[in-house]
Protein backbone atom coordinates (compact mmCIF):
# COMPACT_ATOMS: atom_id res chain seq x y z
CA ILE A 1 -4.86 -5.19 -8.38
CA TYR A 2 -5.73 -6.81 -11.70
CA ARG A 3 -9.30 -5.62 -12.16
CA ILE A 4 -9.48 -2.05 -10.85
CA PRO A 5 -7.10 -0.51 -13.44
CA ARG A 6 -9.16 -2.22 -16.15
CA GLY A 7 -12.42 -0.80 -14.84
CA GLU A 8 -13.75 -4.26 -13.98
CA SER A 9 -15.90 -5.26 -11.03
CA VAL A 10 -14.04 -6.88 -8.15
CA VAL A 11 -17.13 -8.95 -7.35
CA TYR A 12 -18.34 -10.35 -10.67
CA PRO A 13 -17.41 -12.46 -12.52
CA PRO A 14 -15.79 -14.72 -9.90
CA SER A 15 -12.07 -15.51 -9.96
CA HIS A 16 -11.11 -16.77 -13.39
CA CYS A 17 -8.20 -17.34 -15.74
CA PRO A 18 -7.34 -14.08 -17.57
CA TRP A 19 -6.55 -16.10 -20.72
CA CYS A 20 -9.50 -18.47 -21.16
CA SER A 21 -11.98 -17.07 -18.57
CA TYR A 22 -12.21 -20.47 -16.86
CA ASN A 23 -13.88 -20.00 -13.45
CA LEU A 24 -11.48 -21.24 -10.79
CA GLU A 25 -12.53 -24.14 -8.59
CA LEU A 26 -12.31 -24.11 -4.80
CA LEU A 27 -8.96 -25.95 -4.81
CA ASP A 28 -7.57 -23.35 -7.23
CA LEU A 29 -8.21 -20.55 -4.73
CA ILE A 30 -5.98 -21.73 -1.87
CA PRO A 31 -3.30 -19.02 -1.53
CA ILE A 32 0.20 -20.01 -2.72
CA LEU A 33 -0.49 -23.76 -2.51
CA SER A 34 -2.81 -23.71 -5.52
CA TYR A 35 -0.14 -21.93 -7.57
CA LEU A 36 2.46 -24.53 -6.61
CA ARG A 37 0.06 -27.44 -7.19
CA LEU A 38 -0.78 -26.19 -10.69
CA ARG A 39 2.88 -25.38 -11.35
CA GLY A 40 1.98 -21.82 -12.17
CA ARG A 41 -0.37 -22.67 -15.04
CA CYS A 42 -4.11 -22.59 -15.66
CA ARG A 43 -5.78 -25.94 -15.06
CA LYS A 44 -7.79 -25.69 -18.31
CA CYS A 45 -5.78 -23.84 -20.97
CA GLY A 46 -2.28 -24.35 -19.54
CA ASN A 47 -1.24 -20.71 -19.93
CA LYS A 48 1.21 -19.33 -17.41
CA ILE A 49 -0.21 -17.63 -14.29
CA SER A 50 1.58 -14.45 -13.25
CA GLY A 51 3.94 -14.82 -10.31
CA GLN A 52 2.35 -11.66 -8.92
CA TYR A 53 -0.49 -13.77 -7.49
CA PRO A 54 1.56 -15.90 -5.05
CA LEU A 55 3.77 -12.89 -4.27
CA VAL A 56 0.80 -10.77 -3.21
CA GLU A 57 -0.70 -13.70 -1.29
CA LEU A 58 2.56 -14.31 0.59
CA LEU A 59 3.12 -10.61 1.31
CA THR A 60 -0.45 -10.14 2.53
CA GLY A 61 -0.27 -13.19 4.77
CA LEU A 62 3.02 -12.07 6.31
CA MET A 63 1.71 -8.54 6.91
CA PHE A 64 -1.39 -9.94 8.62
CA VAL A 65 0.83 -12.09 10.87
CA PHE A 66 3.13 -9.17 11.74
CA THR A 67 0.15 -6.93 12.50
CA PHE A 68 -1.45 -9.58 14.69
CA SER A 69 1.82 -10.12 16.57
CA LYS A 70 1.97 -6.39 17.37
CA PHE A 71 -1.66 -5.64 18.19
CA GLY A 72 -3.25 -9.02 18.92
CA PHE A 73 -6.84 -9.68 17.93
CA THR A 74 -8.05 -6.18 18.76
CA PHE A 75 -9.93 -3.38 17.04
CA GLU A 76 -6.53 -1.72 16.51
CA PHE A 77 -5.47 -4.80 14.53
CA LEU A 78 -8.56 -4.60 12.34
CA ALA A 79 -8.01 -0.88 11.74
CA GLU A 80 -4.39 -1.24 10.69
CA ILE A 81 -5.27 -4.17 8.42
CA VAL A 82 -7.45 -1.79 6.41
CA LEU A 83 -4.44 0.48 5.86
CA ILE A 84 -2.14 -2.41 4.97
CA ILE A 85 -4.57 -3.78 2.38
CA CYS A 86 -4.75 -0.31 0.82
CA LEU A 87 -0.95 -0.03 0.73
CA ILE A 88 -0.48 -3.45 -0.88
CA ILE A 89 -3.09 -2.82 -3.57
CA SER A 90 -1.77 0.69 -4.27
CA THR A 91 1.84 -0.52 -4.47
CA PHE A 92 1.28 -3.15 -7.13
CA ILE A 93 -1.08 -1.03 -9.22
CA ASP A 94 1.35 1.91 -9.10
CA LEU A 95 4.29 -0.30 -10.08
CA LYS A 96 2.52 -1.54 -13.20
CA HIS A 97 0.27 1.35 -14.22
CA GLN A 98 1.78 4.35 -12.38
CA ILE A 99 -1.59 5.27 -10.92
CA ILE A 100 -3.14 5.04 -7.45
CA PRO A 101 -6.90 4.69 -8.04
CA ASP A 102 -9.47 6.69 -6.08
CA LYS A 103 -11.47 3.46 -5.75
CA VAL A 104 -8.74 2.25 -3.38
CA VAL A 105 -7.70 5.30 -1.37
CA LEU A 106 -10.96 7.21 -0.92
CA PRO A 107 -12.82 4.30 0.77
CA THR A 108 -9.72 3.81 2.94
CA ILE A 109 -9.82 7.44 4.08
CA ILE A 110 -13.53 7.15 4.89
CA ALA A 111 -12.96 3.87 6.73
CA GLY A 112 -10.12 5.47 8.70
CA LEU A 113 -12.32 8.38 9.77
CA VAL A 114 -15.15 6.07 10.85
CA LEU A 115 -12.76 3.78 12.76
CA ASN A 116 -11.13 6.75 14.48
CA ILE A 117 -14.51 8.09 15.57
CA MET A 118 -15.46 4.65 16.89
CA LEU A 119 -12.17 3.56 18.46
CA ARG A 120 -9.97 6.62 19.02
CA ARG A 121 -12.43 9.41 19.63
CA GLU A 122 -10.39 10.96 22.44
CA ASN A 123 -7.35 11.15 20.14
CA LEU A 124 -9.22 12.05 16.95
CA PRO A 125 -7.49 15.46 16.47
CA ASN A 126 -4.13 13.67 16.24
CA TYR A 127 -5.32 11.53 13.33
CA LEU A 128 -7.03 14.46 11.62
CA MET A 129 -3.76 16.38 11.80
CA GLY A 130 -1.96 13.35 10.36
CA PHE A 131 -4.48 13.32 7.52
CA ALA A 132 -4.02 17.03 6.86
CA LEU A 133 -0.23 16.88 7.09
CA GLY A 134 0.15 13.75 4.98
CA GLY A 135 -2.01 15.01 2.16
CA GLY A 136 -0.99 18.66 2.57
CA ILE A 137 2.77 18.23 2.30
CA ILE A 138 2.54 16.00 -0.78
CA PHE A 139 0.01 18.38 -2.36
CA LEU A 140 2.44 21.26 -1.79
CA ILE A 141 5.22 19.22 -3.45
CA VAL A 142 2.93 18.47 -6.42
CA VAL A 143 2.22 22.19 -6.84
CA LEU A 144 5.86 23.30 -6.46
CA SER A 145 7.19 20.56 -8.73
CA SER A 146 4.58 21.21 -11.43
CA GLY A 147 3.33 17.65 -11.36
CA GLY A 148 6.48 15.83 -10.30
CA MET A 149 4.20 13.70 -8.15
CA GLY A 150 0.60 12.70 -8.71
CA GLY A 151 -2.74 13.26 -7.06
CA GLY A 152 -2.83 9.60 -6.12
CA ASP A 153 0.25 10.11 -3.93
CA VAL A 154 -1.51 13.00 -2.19
CA LYS A 155 -4.57 10.91 -1.39
CA LEU A 156 -2.55 7.85 -0.36
CA PHE A 157 -0.51 9.86 2.14
CA ALA A 158 -3.70 11.47 3.42
CA ALA A 159 -5.03 7.95 4.04
CA VAL A 160 -1.79 7.01 5.81
CA GLY A 161 -2.10 10.07 8.04
CA MET A 162 -5.65 9.13 8.98
CA PHE A 163 -4.39 5.81 10.35
CA LEU A 164 -0.95 6.69 11.75
CA GLY A 165 -1.56 10.06 13.34
CA LEU A 166 0.65 13.15 13.23
CA ARG A 167 3.96 11.89 14.63
CA LEU A 168 4.18 8.63 12.70
CA THR A 169 3.00 10.36 9.52
CA ILE A 170 5.94 12.78 9.73
CA LEU A 171 8.28 9.80 10.07
CA SER A 172 6.67 7.92 7.19
CA ILE A 173 7.08 10.97 4.93
CA LEU A 174 10.78 11.22 5.77
CA LEU A 175 11.36 7.49 5.27
CA SER A 176 9.44 7.44 1.99
CA PHE A 177 11.58 10.18 0.49
CA ILE A 178 14.78 8.59 1.78
CA PHE A 179 13.92 5.20 0.26
CA GLY A 180 12.66 6.80 -2.95
CA SER A 181 15.85 8.84 -3.34
CA ILE A 182 18.09 5.82 -2.74
CA ALA A 183 16.13 3.69 -5.22
CA GLY A 184 16.17 6.47 -7.80
CA LEU A 185 19.94 6.90 -7.53
CA ILE A 186 20.49 3.15 -7.86
CA LEU A 187 18.27 2.96 -10.96
CA ILE A 188 20.10 5.90 -12.54
CA MET A 189 23.53 4.43 -11.74
CA LEU A 190 22.45 1.14 -13.35
CA ASN A 191 21.20 3.06 -16.42
CA LEU A 192 17.71 1.68 -15.86
CA LYS A 193 16.24 5.16 -15.45
CA LYS A 194 17.18 8.69 -16.48
CA MET A 195 17.00 11.81 -14.34
CA LYS A 196 13.69 12.92 -15.86
CA ASP A 197 12.04 9.50 -15.90
CA ALA A 198 9.02 8.99 -13.64
CA ILE A 199 9.37 6.50 -10.80
CA PRO A 200 6.25 5.20 -9.02
CA PHE A 201 6.25 6.67 -5.51
CA GLY A 202 3.44 4.54 -4.09
CA PRO A 203 5.74 1.63 -3.14
CA PHE A 204 7.97 3.98 -1.13
CA ILE A 205 4.95 5.49 0.63
CA ALA A 206 3.91 1.95 1.54
CA LEU A 207 7.40 0.97 2.74
CA GLY A 208 7.86 4.10 4.84
CA SER A 209 4.38 3.76 6.31
CA VAL A 210 4.74 0.09 7.22
CA ILE A 211 8.08 0.71 8.93
CA SER A 212 6.54 3.63 10.82
CA LEU A 213 3.59 1.47 11.87
CA PHE A 214 5.71 -1.35 13.26
CA MET A 215 8.91 0.41 14.35
CA GLY A 216 8.06 4.11 14.37
CA ASP A 217 8.02 4.62 18.13
CA ARG A 218 11.41 2.93 18.52
CA ILE A 219 12.93 4.91 15.66
CA ILE A 220 11.69 8.21 17.10
CA SER A 221 12.92 7.32 20.61
CA TRP A 222 16.32 6.34 19.14
CA TYR A 223 16.52 9.63 17.27
CA TRP A 224 15.60 11.79 20.27
CA GLY A 225 18.20 9.86 22.27
CA PHE A 226 20.90 11.82 20.43
CA PHE A 227 19.64 15.01 22.08
């Protein structure tokens, strides 16, 4: 989240303070606890550490727990974790930089295709249709809106479709636009945004996709119950 938008390697140098480049020790790398122990400051220079670090660590840990509780320790669990990691990284980068990097979504799409071939071969057409629908609908919106959305949104929804399949991808698209519209209206009413201001859509794609992953079947069954 920090390095990719800056064009830095995610491997080298190792984890370090962004202010003084001090290489973090093993005890500094314990999620959340290290932040609390150091009171949110670098051990060496004393500069403040962004609260984004413990937030991302907590969110990632919770999502791993929720995914494990739904799928158990299965190949399905491992596959969905790949998607969730992509969504978390894309969300925070989009919020700050209003971009969704290819370095995040393209490997996710490839990983989704490989995992589907390995684990879901008999249902592969369903996930390929999800991929085509997810990316296709957003691409059509980009064309019709003359750039109202970005290419990163297209690729991210294509990645979502590769993991969720056709039915849950349709639901995630609907939920994403509902949440995005509600958030946009609230921001406009609070005079935080204007009608023509850009609002990062990646977080709403992530929210709609996660809800579809965990609750999608129940939501669809509830909806069809009205008919």
